[in-house]
Amino acid sequence: MDSDAATTEVVPSTKQDGEIPRQEGGRFATGNNANPAGKGGFGERPENRASGHWSKEDSISYWYNKLLRMPEDEFSKFKSATSAQRIAWTKIQAATGSNEYALKCTKEITDRTEGRPRQDIDMSIEQDEAVPIIKGFVIPTLPEHFIDKDIIEQLGEEEAVKILGAK
């Protein structure tokens, strides 16, 4: 151990037995192995490590596309295993109907598989349509020569002429 290292008891709630050598500031001392058994982490169990990547098989849009391209007999035998599969299968089933809900389902499916149709937005405003933000608001103005007269009163006529110039 280093000469500046001190030993501290570990709180039992950390599930570590024994003493862990630490420096005076609280850092681990040189040569300290906080996990002496070497257990835990993803090195021991790499199967628990998530890849962090998005999976297309988990998306509803993927299953819309996949189920729409299935032959009719294969579609009728299909059993969903995930929520995305179940939602996609249910919406496609509903879209085959002939009521208002079927139309909504068809729009939902085509928007997700084909993309939404282009929608133009008209942003032009006619001059007559422009409404003032605050009605009746008037910017206050001072009477003519008010500021000049105030400067003359405060500084005197000779000093004011220097500042104001030939007004």
Protein backbone atom coordinates (compact mmCIF):
# COMPACT_ATOMS: atom_id res chain seq x y z
CA MET A 1 0.00 0.00 0.00
CA ASP A 2 1.01 3.62 -0.52
CA SER A 3 1.99 5.63 2.47
CA ASP A 4 -0.88 8.06 1.83
CA ALA A 5 -3.47 5.27 1.62
CA ALA A 6 -5.93 4.71 4.44
CA THR A 7 -8.34 1.84 4.89
CA THR A 8 -12.03 2.40 5.27
CA GLU A 9 -14.86 0.05 6.11
CA VAL A 10 -17.30 -0.49 3.30
CA VAL A 11 -20.96 -0.05 4.03
CA PRO A 12 -22.59 -3.50 4.06
CA SER A 13 -25.25 -2.35 1.59
CA THR A 14 -22.60 -2.44 -1.16
CA LYS A 15 -22.32 -6.22 -0.70
CA GLN A 16 -18.53 -6.05 -0.51
CA ASP A 17 -16.70 -7.63 2.37
CA GLY A 18 -13.48 -6.47 3.94
CA GLU A 19 -11.61 -3.25 3.74
CA ILE A 20 -10.95 -1.26 0.58
CA PRO A 21 -7.73 0.76 0.62
CA ARG A 22 -8.33 4.39 -0.33
CA GLN A 23 -6.26 7.52 -0.51
CA GLU A 24 -6.91 10.32 1.95
CA GLY A 25 -9.13 12.22 -0.59
CA GLY A 26 -11.37 9.17 -1.01
CA ARG A 27 -9.97 7.82 -4.27
CA PHE A 28 -9.04 4.15 -4.58
CA ALA A 29 -5.45 3.50 -3.59
CA THR A 30 -2.95 2.21 -6.14
CA GLY A 31 -3.37 -1.48 -6.81
CA ASN A 32 -6.91 -1.56 -5.41
CA ASN A 33 -9.36 -3.86 -7.11
CA ALA A 34 -12.86 -2.79 -6.04
CA ASN A 35 -14.28 -6.01 -7.45
CA PRO A 36 -11.88 -8.66 -6.09
CA ALA A 37 -14.01 -11.59 -7.20
CA GLY A 38 -13.96 -10.33 -10.79
CA LYS A 39 -17.62 -11.12 -11.23
CA GLY A 40 -20.31 -9.13 -12.94
CA GLY A 41 -20.44 -6.78 -15.86
CA PHE A 42 -20.95 -7.55 -19.51
CA GLY A 43 -17.59 -9.30 -19.77
CA GLU A 44 -19.06 -12.20 -17.81
CA ARG A 45 -22.48 -12.13 -19.50
CA PRO A 46 -22.19 -10.66 -23.01
CA GLU A 47 -25.67 -11.92 -23.86
CA ASN A 48 -27.09 -9.22 -21.56
CA ARG A 49 -25.41 -6.45 -23.56
CA ALA A 50 -27.84 -4.52 -25.74
CA SER A 51 -26.54 -3.61 -29.18
CA GLY A 52 -28.16 -0.17 -29.01
CA HIS A 53 -29.37 -0.48 -32.58
CA TRP A 54 -32.95 -0.01 -33.74
CA SER A 55 -34.50 -3.18 -35.07
CA LYS A 56 -36.83 -2.98 -38.04
CA GLU A 57 -38.66 -6.11 -36.85
CA ASP A 58 -39.94 -4.12 -33.87
CA SER A 59 -41.66 -1.43 -35.95
CA ILE A 60 -45.28 -1.39 -37.03
CA SER A 61 -44.38 0.02 -40.46
CA TYR A 62 -42.16 -3.01 -41.15
CA TRP A 63 -44.99 -5.40 -40.31
CA TYR A 64 -47.48 -3.42 -42.40
CA ASN A 65 -45.17 -3.86 -45.39
CA LYS A 66 -44.43 -7.51 -44.66
CA LEU A 67 -48.07 -8.50 -44.05
CA LEU A 68 -49.37 -6.59 -47.07
CA ARG A 69 -47.01 -8.52 -49.35
CA MET A 70 -47.97 -11.95 -47.96
CA PRO A 71 -50.14 -14.23 -50.06
CA GLU A 72 -53.73 -14.48 -48.81
CA ASP A 73 -53.41 -18.04 -47.46
CA GLU A 74 -50.20 -17.22 -45.59
CA PHE A 75 -51.78 -14.04 -44.16
CA SER A 76 -54.79 -15.97 -42.84
CA LYS A 77 -52.47 -18.45 -41.04
CA PHE A 78 -50.24 -15.74 -39.56
CA LYS A 79 -49.93 -15.73 -35.74
CA SER A 80 -48.54 -12.57 -34.15
CA ALA A 81 -45.71 -12.89 -31.64
CA THR A 82 -45.16 -9.22 -30.75
CA SER A 83 -47.32 -6.18 -30.17
CA ALA A 84 -46.16 -4.58 -33.43
CA GLN A 85 -47.20 -7.69 -35.36
CA ARG A 86 -50.58 -7.83 -33.63
CA ILE A 87 -51.31 -4.12 -34.25
CA ALA A 88 -50.32 -4.36 -37.92
CA TRP A 89 -52.34 -7.54 -38.49
CA THR A 90 -55.41 -6.07 -36.76
CA LYS A 91 -55.27 -2.80 -38.75
CA ILE A 92 -54.89 -4.66 -42.05
CA GLN A 93 -57.84 -6.88 -41.16
CA ALA A 94 -59.92 -3.79 -40.31
CA ALA A 95 -58.88 -2.02 -43.53
CA THR A 96 -60.47 -4.77 -45.62
CA GLY A 97 -63.93 -3.77 -44.39
CA SER A 98 -66.28 -1.28 -46.06
CA ASN A 99 -67.12 1.16 -43.27
CA GLU A 100 -65.70 4.49 -42.03
CA TYR A 101 -63.21 2.76 -39.73
CA ALA A 102 -61.87 0.71 -42.66
CA LEU A 103 -61.15 3.92 -44.55
CA LYS A 104 -59.28 5.37 -41.56
CA CYS A 105 -57.22 2.18 -41.24
CA THR A 106 -56.42 2.25 -44.95
CA LYS A 107 -55.23 5.86 -44.68
CA GLU A 108 -53.07 4.96 -41.67
CA ILE A 109 -51.49 2.01 -43.44
CA THR A 110 -50.80 3.87 -46.69
CA ASP A 111 -49.37 6.88 -44.83
CA ARG A 112 -46.89 4.60 -43.07
CA THR A 113 -45.99 2.38 -46.02
CA GLU A 114 -46.20 4.77 -48.99
CA GLY A 115 -45.57 8.05 -47.16
CA ARG A 116 -47.98 10.90 -46.62
CA PRO A 117 -49.17 12.75 -49.72
CA ARG A 118 -47.65 16.17 -50.31
CA GLN A 119 -49.66 19.00 -48.78
CA ASP A 120 -49.13 22.60 -49.86
CA ILE A 121 -49.72 25.37 -47.37
CA ASP A 122 -50.68 28.84 -48.56
CA MET A 123 -48.84 31.37 -46.39
CA SER A 124 -49.80 34.55 -48.26
CA ILE A 125 -51.64 37.29 -46.36
CA GLU A 126 -53.65 40.04 -48.02
CA GLN A 127 -53.04 43.56 -46.75
CA ASP A 128 -56.67 43.95 -45.63
CA GLU A 129 -56.47 40.74 -43.60
CA ALA A 130 -53.47 41.92 -41.56
CA VAL A 131 -54.70 42.73 -38.06
CA PRO A 132 -52.67 44.99 -35.80
CA ILE A 133 -51.28 43.18 -32.81
CA ILE A 134 -52.43 45.80 -30.29
CA LYS A 135 -55.42 47.89 -31.30
CA GLY A 136 -55.38 51.53 -30.26
CA PHE A 137 -51.72 51.56 -29.24
CA VAL A 138 -50.09 54.93 -29.89
CA ILE A 139 -46.39 55.62 -29.50
CA PRO A 140 -46.14 58.64 -27.22
CA THR A 141 -44.13 61.60 -28.53
CA LEU A 142 -42.75 64.63 -26.75
CA PRO A 143 -43.65 68.17 -27.80
CA GLU A 144 -41.34 69.78 -30.33
CA HIS A 145 -38.10 71.23 -28.85
CA PHE A 146 -38.91 69.84 -25.38
CA ILE A 147 -35.54 68.09 -24.99
CA ASP A 148 -33.60 71.06 -26.34
CA LYS A 149 -35.30 73.45 -23.88
CA ASP A 150 -34.55 71.07 -21.00
CA ILE A 151 -30.84 70.91 -21.94
CA ILE A 152 -30.68 74.72 -22.13
CA GLU A 153 -32.32 75.05 -18.69
CA GLN A 154 -29.90 72.58 -17.09
CA LEU A 155 -26.62 73.65 -18.70
CA GLY A 156 -27.21 77.27 -19.55
CA GLU A 157 -27.39 78.78 -22.99
CA GLU A 158 -23.64 78.94 -23.70
CA GLU A 159 -22.92 75.27 -22.79
CA ALA A 160 -26.10 74.06 -24.52
CA VAL A 161 -25.04 75.69 -27.80
CA LYS A 162 -21.77 73.73 -27.68
CA ILE A 163 -23.67 70.43 -27.28
CA LEU A 164 -26.65 71.12 -29.53
CA GLY A 165 -24.65 72.87 -32.20
CA ALA A 166 -26.32 75.44 -34.42
CA LYS A 167 -29.97 74.44 -34.00
